[in-house]
Amino acid sequence: MANKVLPGYKGLATIDGIPIRCTSFSVNPKQESIFYNHVMGLRDSVNYATSNTKGKLVETSNNVNTQRRIWRPGVVTVAGGISFPATVTNLASMFEKAKFASLIDVDYVYYCTPNSDGARSFKEGRVNSFELNATAGEVINISSDLMFKNISDYSGTKEIEYTIAEKLITWDKINLTFSNVPFAIDKTLIQSFNFRINNNVTPIYVSGDSSKGNVSDSLFPLELRVGMQEVSGTVIFYRDQGQEFIAIDQSKPSKINVTLPSLAFSMDVVFQTSAMDGLVGPVITQMPFVGVDKVFS
């Protein structure tokens, strides 16, 4: 019987109990074998017929190139990306996980059917990065990089169909206001807004625990260390002026207030020098910013 090619669009992610229809999901374990150099060298010919040691060749017809004779398994990293359109249900939950880099569990069913074994559980993870993109005329999109301590086959009940209707959050539902900004921004001219949270998560590996009785346990991270959080982003708007902003005095941070359905927050930021490119089409100004102090409030 021929193998079935299963459509990936029927897959579904469940993050801490919240079903999410993803546009992509690429979280996977990664492990590389580690090889060692040794006295025989990596490309020395040996007499395969009589010896496994380096020496004088006897029969050239039996010579082989012996390479990489000593190796061991490397550590395992479970990481990857997820992207999905923002909804009232999923946006606030994912943002809070990224904001505090709190623990996160994800179940992913690659094909939603009771007879499919294509499902995985990812446990004790953290959001390494989170990016929100809002462009005029489009749906607000979320992209995140996730990292986990463990992976296993999914043993729960698979969703055959997820039929609950959800309204996507579109550009017209985001409200941006600015305070203490050293230049003028006309909200009606904003073309796009995006920001990124980077938590700089690092996997921590330790020597094997013999009490577990399984060497492979020591190849997975013991902990996921959260580093210093970095926040950056860009406001892009239509503009017909020349020089817009060059940072001279940054004694006080600016504030960006973001209001969305089910989510509202403010960011303390410092704006960087503006950029304007000469291209065919409308003239736009890019205003990059960097989060400062306790960024979110």
Protein backbone atom coordinates (compact mmCIF):
# COMPACT_ATOMS: atom_id res chain seq x y z
CA MET A 1 0.00 0.00 0.00
CA ALA A 2 1.39 3.40 -0.91
CA ASN A 3 2.21 5.87 1.84
CA LYS A 4 -0.14 8.78 2.24
CA VAL A 5 1.14 12.30 1.85
CA LEU A 6 -0.52 14.18 4.71
CA PRO A 7 -1.42 17.87 4.33
CA GLY A 8 0.43 20.00 6.84
CA TYR A 9 -2.25 22.66 6.95
CA LYS A 10 -4.29 20.39 9.16
CA GLY A 11 -1.72 20.65 11.95
CA LEU A 12 -2.45 22.46 15.21
CA ALA A 13 -0.32 23.83 18.05
CA THR A 14 -1.56 23.95 21.63
CA ILE A 15 0.40 26.35 23.82
CA ASP A 16 -0.45 26.05 27.51
CA GLY A 17 -3.93 24.86 26.62
CA ILE A 18 -4.64 27.49 23.93
CA PRO A 19 -5.09 26.09 20.38
CA ILE A 20 -3.25 28.09 17.73
CA ARG A 21 -3.54 27.78 13.98
CA CYS A 22 0.04 28.22 12.79
CA THR A 23 1.36 29.37 9.44
CA SER A 24 4.65 27.61 10.23
CA PHE A 25 6.16 25.48 12.98
CA SER A 26 9.80 24.38 12.82
CA VAL A 27 10.72 23.36 16.39
CA ASN A 28 12.95 20.28 16.17
CA PRO A 29 15.69 18.50 18.10
CA LYS A 30 19.18 19.05 16.75
CA GLN A 31 22.16 16.85 17.54
CA GLU A 32 25.50 16.53 15.82
CA SER A 33 28.06 13.75 16.20
CA ILE A 34 31.43 14.90 17.51
CA PHE A 35 34.50 13.45 15.81
CA TYR A 36 38.08 13.35 17.04
CA ASN A 37 41.40 13.46 15.23
CA HIS A 38 43.75 10.62 16.12
CA VAL A 39 47.22 9.33 15.32
CA MET A 40 46.12 7.58 12.13
CA GLY A 41 45.07 10.88 10.61
CA LEU A 42 41.84 11.51 8.80
CA ARG A 43 42.83 10.49 5.27
CA ASP A 44 45.68 7.95 5.70
CA SER A 45 45.52 4.75 3.67
CA VAL A 46 45.81 1.50 5.64
CA ASN A 47 46.22 -2.09 4.60
CA TYR A 48 42.66 -3.21 5.09
CA ALA A 49 43.52 -6.87 4.46
CA THR A 50 46.06 -7.31 7.21
CA SER A 51 45.89 -4.49 9.70
CA ASN A 52 43.90 -1.59 11.08
CA THR A 53 47.03 0.34 11.91
CA LYS A 54 49.04 2.74 9.88
CA GLY A 55 52.00 1.11 8.18
CA LYS A 56 53.59 -0.04 4.95
CA LEU A 57 51.13 -0.82 2.18
CA VAL A 58 51.14 -4.43 0.91
CA GLU A 59 48.28 -4.73 -1.53
CA THR A 60 47.20 -1.50 -3.14
CA SER A 61 43.93 -3.05 -4.31
CA ASN A 62 42.81 -3.40 -0.67
CA ASN A 63 43.73 0.08 0.45
CA VAL A 64 40.92 2.17 1.91
CA ASN A 65 40.82 5.64 3.38
CA THR A 66 39.96 5.26 7.05
CA GLN A 67 38.40 8.42 8.44
CA ARG A 68 36.76 9.55 11.66
CA ARG A 69 37.16 6.35 13.65
CA ILE A 70 36.42 7.95 17.05
CA TRP A 71 33.18 9.77 17.70
CA ARG A 72 30.50 10.37 20.28
CA PRO A 73 27.00 11.88 20.30
CA GLY A 74 26.77 15.62 20.86
CA VAL A 75 24.38 17.54 23.06
CA VAL A 76 20.75 17.97 22.04
CA THR A 77 19.16 21.34 21.37
CA VAL A 78 15.39 21.52 20.99
CA ALA A 79 14.57 24.82 19.33
CA GLY A 80 12.89 26.42 16.35
CA GLY A 81 10.34 28.93 15.16
CA ILE A 82 6.60 29.37 15.18
CA SER A 83 4.53 31.97 13.36
CA PHE A 84 0.80 32.66 13.35
CA PRO A 85 -1.72 35.44 12.76
CA ALA A 86 -2.72 37.28 15.92
CA THR A 87 -6.15 36.67 17.43
CA VAL A 88 -7.81 37.88 20.61
CA THR A 89 -7.20 34.43 22.11
CA ASN A 90 -3.53 33.87 21.36
CA LEU A 91 -1.91 37.33 21.30
CA ALA A 92 -1.97 38.27 24.99
CA SER A 93 -0.88 34.83 26.16
CA MET A 94 2.14 34.67 23.84
CA PHE A 95 3.18 38.23 24.61
CA GLU A 96 3.15 37.60 28.36
CA LYS A 97 5.27 34.46 27.90
CA ALA A 98 7.81 36.47 25.97
CA LYS A 99 7.74 39.50 28.25
CA PHE A 100 8.66 37.50 31.35
CA ALA A 101 10.42 34.58 29.60
CA SER A 102 8.26 32.27 31.70
CA LEU A 103 8.00 28.51 31.18
CA ILE A 104 5.97 27.30 28.24
CA ASP A 105 4.71 23.88 27.07
CA VAL A 106 3.71 23.18 23.47
CA ASP A 107 1.91 20.22 21.91
CA TYR A 108 1.93 20.05 18.14
CA VAL A 109 -0.18 17.69 16.04
CA TYR A 110 1.24 17.65 12.53
CA TYR A 111 -1.87 16.05 11.09
CA CYS A 112 -5.15 16.13 13.00
CA THR A 113 -6.53 12.59 12.88
CA PRO A 114 -6.93 9.88 15.54
CA ASN A 115 -4.91 7.44 13.41
CA SER A 116 -1.87 9.70 13.01
CA ASP A 117 1.19 9.34 15.21
CA GLY A 118 2.72 12.57 13.91
CA ALA A 119 2.51 14.54 17.14
CA ARG A 120 5.08 15.83 19.62
CA SER A 121 5.16 17.40 23.08
CA PHE A 122 7.72 20.06 23.90
CA LYS A 123 8.18 20.68 27.63
CA GLU A 124 9.78 23.23 29.93
CA GLY A 125 10.53 25.77 27.24
CA ARG A 126 11.01 29.51 27.06
CA VAL A 127 10.38 32.14 24.42
CA ASN A 128 13.78 33.09 23.08
CA SER A 129 12.38 35.84 20.85
CA PHE A 130 9.01 37.38 20.00
CA GLU A 131 8.22 39.67 17.10
CA LEU A 132 5.01 41.53 16.29
CA ASN A 133 4.51 42.97 12.81
CA ALA A 134 1.63 45.29 11.99
CA THR A 135 1.45 46.64 8.44
CA ALA A 136 -1.35 48.78 7.03
CA GLY A 137 -3.95 46.69 5.23
CA GLU A 138 -2.75 43.35 6.62
CA VAL A 139 -3.31 40.96 9.50
CA ILE A 140 -1.04 41.40 12.51
CA ASN A 141 1.49 38.55 12.52
CA ILE A 142 3.47 37.00 15.36
CA SER A 143 6.79 35.17 14.98
CA SER A 144 8.65 33.54 17.85
CA ASP A 145 11.73 31.44 18.42
CA LEU A 146 11.24 28.84 21.14
CA MET A 147 13.69 26.67 23.09
CA PHE A 148 12.85 23.61 25.19
CA LYS A 149 14.47 21.24 27.66
CA ASN A 150 12.58 18.12 26.61
CA ILE A 151 10.76 16.53 23.68
CA SER A 152 8.59 13.42 23.57
CA ASP A 153 5.82 11.75 21.59
CA TYR A 154 2.45 13.33 22.23
CA SER A 155 0.24 11.04 24.30
CA GLY A 156 -2.86 13.16 24.69
CA THR A 157 -6.11 13.16 22.74
CA LYS A 158 -5.58 14.61 19.28
CA GLU A 159 -7.90 17.28 17.97
CA ILE A 160 -9.52 15.94 14.81
CA GLU A 161 -10.83 19.35 13.84
CA TYR A 162 -10.57 22.76 15.43
CA THR A 163 -13.71 24.54 14.30
CA ILE A 164 -13.99 27.41 16.78
CA ALA A 165 -14.24 30.68 14.85
CA GLU A 166 -11.65 33.32 15.72
CA LYS A 167 -11.44 36.87 14.44
CA LEU A 168 -8.01 37.83 13.20
CA ILE A 169 -6.62 41.11 14.48
CA THR A 170 -6.13 43.46 11.55
CA TRP A 171 -4.13 46.66 11.25
CA ASP A 172 -7.14 48.89 11.96
CA LYS A 173 -7.45 47.41 15.46
CA ILE A 174 -4.07 48.66 16.69
CA ASN A 175 -3.84 52.07 18.30
CA LEU A 176 -0.43 53.75 18.71
CA THR A 177 0.25 56.87 20.74
CA PHE A 178 3.58 58.54 21.50
CA SER A 179 4.79 60.79 24.30
CA ASN A 180 8.00 62.72 24.89
CA VAL A 181 8.96 62.18 21.25
CA PRO A 182 11.52 64.71 19.90
CA PHE A 183 9.84 64.87 16.48
CA ALA A 184 6.34 64.95 15.05
CA ILE A 185 4.52 61.75 14.12
CA ASP A 186 1.20 61.90 12.35
CA LYS A 187 -0.54 58.64 13.28
CA THR A 188 -2.55 58.76 10.06
CA LEU A 189 0.68 58.42 8.06
CA ILE A 190 2.09 55.34 9.84
CA GLN A 191 2.69 52.57 7.31
CA SER A 192 3.93 49.84 9.67
CA PHE A 193 5.03 49.15 13.22
CA ASN A 194 7.07 46.27 14.55
CA PHE A 195 8.98 45.38 17.66
CA ARG A 196 11.06 42.41 18.81
CA ILE A 197 11.81 40.96 22.23
CA ASN A 198 15.04 39.00 22.51
CA ASN A 199 15.51 37.07 25.77
CA ASN A 200 18.94 35.62 24.87
CA VAL A 201 18.11 32.16 26.22
CA THR A 202 21.11 29.83 26.61
CA PRO A 203 20.90 26.03 27.18
CA ILE A 204 22.94 24.83 30.18
CA TYR A 205 24.51 21.35 29.98
CA VAL A 206 26.10 19.38 32.84
CA SER A 207 27.79 16.01 33.34
CA GLY A 208 25.56 12.93 33.14
CA ASP A 209 23.49 11.85 36.12
CA SER A 210 24.17 8.13 36.61
CA SER A 211 21.17 7.83 38.93
CA LYS A 212 18.88 8.21 35.92
CA GLY A 213 20.36 5.13 34.31
CA ASN A 214 20.22 6.71 30.88
CA VAL A 215 23.21 8.41 29.30
CA SER A 216 21.00 10.30 26.85
CA ASP A 217 19.46 12.28 29.73
CA SER A 218 22.71 14.18 30.16
CA LEU A 219 22.68 15.28 26.52
CA PHE A 220 19.60 17.44 27.03
CA PRO A 221 19.82 20.84 28.74
CA LEU A 222 19.56 20.85 32.52
CA GLU A 223 18.28 24.42 32.48
CA LEU A 224 17.48 27.22 30.06
CA ARG A 225 19.16 30.38 31.29
CA VAL A 226 17.44 33.64 30.44
CA GLY A 227 19.88 36.41 29.56
CA MET A 228 19.49 40.17 29.45
CA GLN A 229 16.32 41.12 27.61
CA GLU A 230 16.67 43.32 24.53
CA VAL A 231 13.81 45.15 22.84
CA SER A 232 14.01 46.90 19.50
CA GLY A 233 11.69 47.91 16.70
CA THR A 234 10.80 50.36 13.97
CA VAL A 235 8.05 52.83 13.18
CA ILE A 236 7.72 53.43 9.44
CA PHE A 237 5.59 56.25 8.14
CA TYR A 238 5.03 58.24 4.96
CA ARG A 239 6.88 61.52 4.94
CA ASP A 240 7.68 64.25 2.43
CA GLN A 241 10.27 66.10 4.48
CA GLY A 242 14.05 65.83 4.51
CA GLN A 243 15.97 65.51 7.78
CA GLU A 244 13.59 64.06 10.32
CA PHE A 245 15.55 63.24 13.43
CA ILE A 246 19.15 63.00 14.58
CA ALA A 247 19.53 62.04 18.24
CA ILE A 248 21.33 64.73 20.28
CA ASP A 249 19.62 64.81 23.65
CA GLN A 250 18.37 61.45 24.98
CA SER A 251 18.18 62.36 28.66
CA LYS A 252 14.59 61.18 28.88
CA PRO A 253 13.15 58.09 27.16
CA SER A 254 10.21 58.35 24.83
CA LYS A 255 7.12 56.25 25.37
CA ILE A 256 5.16 54.20 22.86
CA ASN A 257 1.68 53.17 23.97
CA VAL A 258 0.19 50.17 22.16
CA THR A 259 -3.46 49.18 22.44
CA LEU A 260 -4.84 46.01 20.86
CA PRO A 261 -7.89 43.86 21.49
CA SER A 262 -7.19 41.94 24.75
CA LEU A 263 -3.77 43.58 25.15
CA ALA A 264 -2.41 47.01 26.09
CA PHE A 265 1.11 47.99 27.10
CA SER A 266 3.65 50.80 26.99
CA MET A 267 7.33 50.77 26.08
CA ASP A 268 10.07 53.13 27.25
CA VAL A 269 12.34 53.60 24.26
CA VAL A 270 15.12 55.72 22.78
CA PHE A 271 14.73 56.58 19.11
CA GLN A 272 17.72 56.19 16.82
CA THR A 273 18.67 58.27 13.78
CA SER A 274 16.00 58.14 11.09
CA ALA A 275 16.55 56.56 7.69
CA MET A 276 15.09 57.55 4.34
CA ASP A 277 15.78 55.73 1.07
CA GLY A 278 15.36 57.02 -2.46
CA LEU A 279 13.19 54.45 -4.21
CA VAL A 280 10.49 54.32 -6.83
CA GLY A 281 7.24 54.77 -4.92
CA PRO A 282 6.11 56.76 -1.88
CA VAL A 283 8.81 58.33 0.31
CA ILE A 284 8.93 56.67 3.72
CA THR A 285 10.86 57.39 6.90
CA GLN A 286 12.09 54.61 9.16
CA MET A 287 12.40 55.43 12.84
CA PRO A 288 14.22 52.62 14.69
CA PHE A 289 14.01 52.47 18.48
CA VAL A 290 15.59 50.52 21.34
CA GLY A 291 13.89 49.66 24.63
CA VAL A 292 15.46 51.10 27.78
CA ASP A 293 15.17 50.73 31.55
CA LYS A 294 12.15 48.61 32.54
CA VAL A 295 10.83 48.62 29.01
CA PHE A 296 7.29 47.36 29.48
CA SER A 297 4.64 48.87 31.69
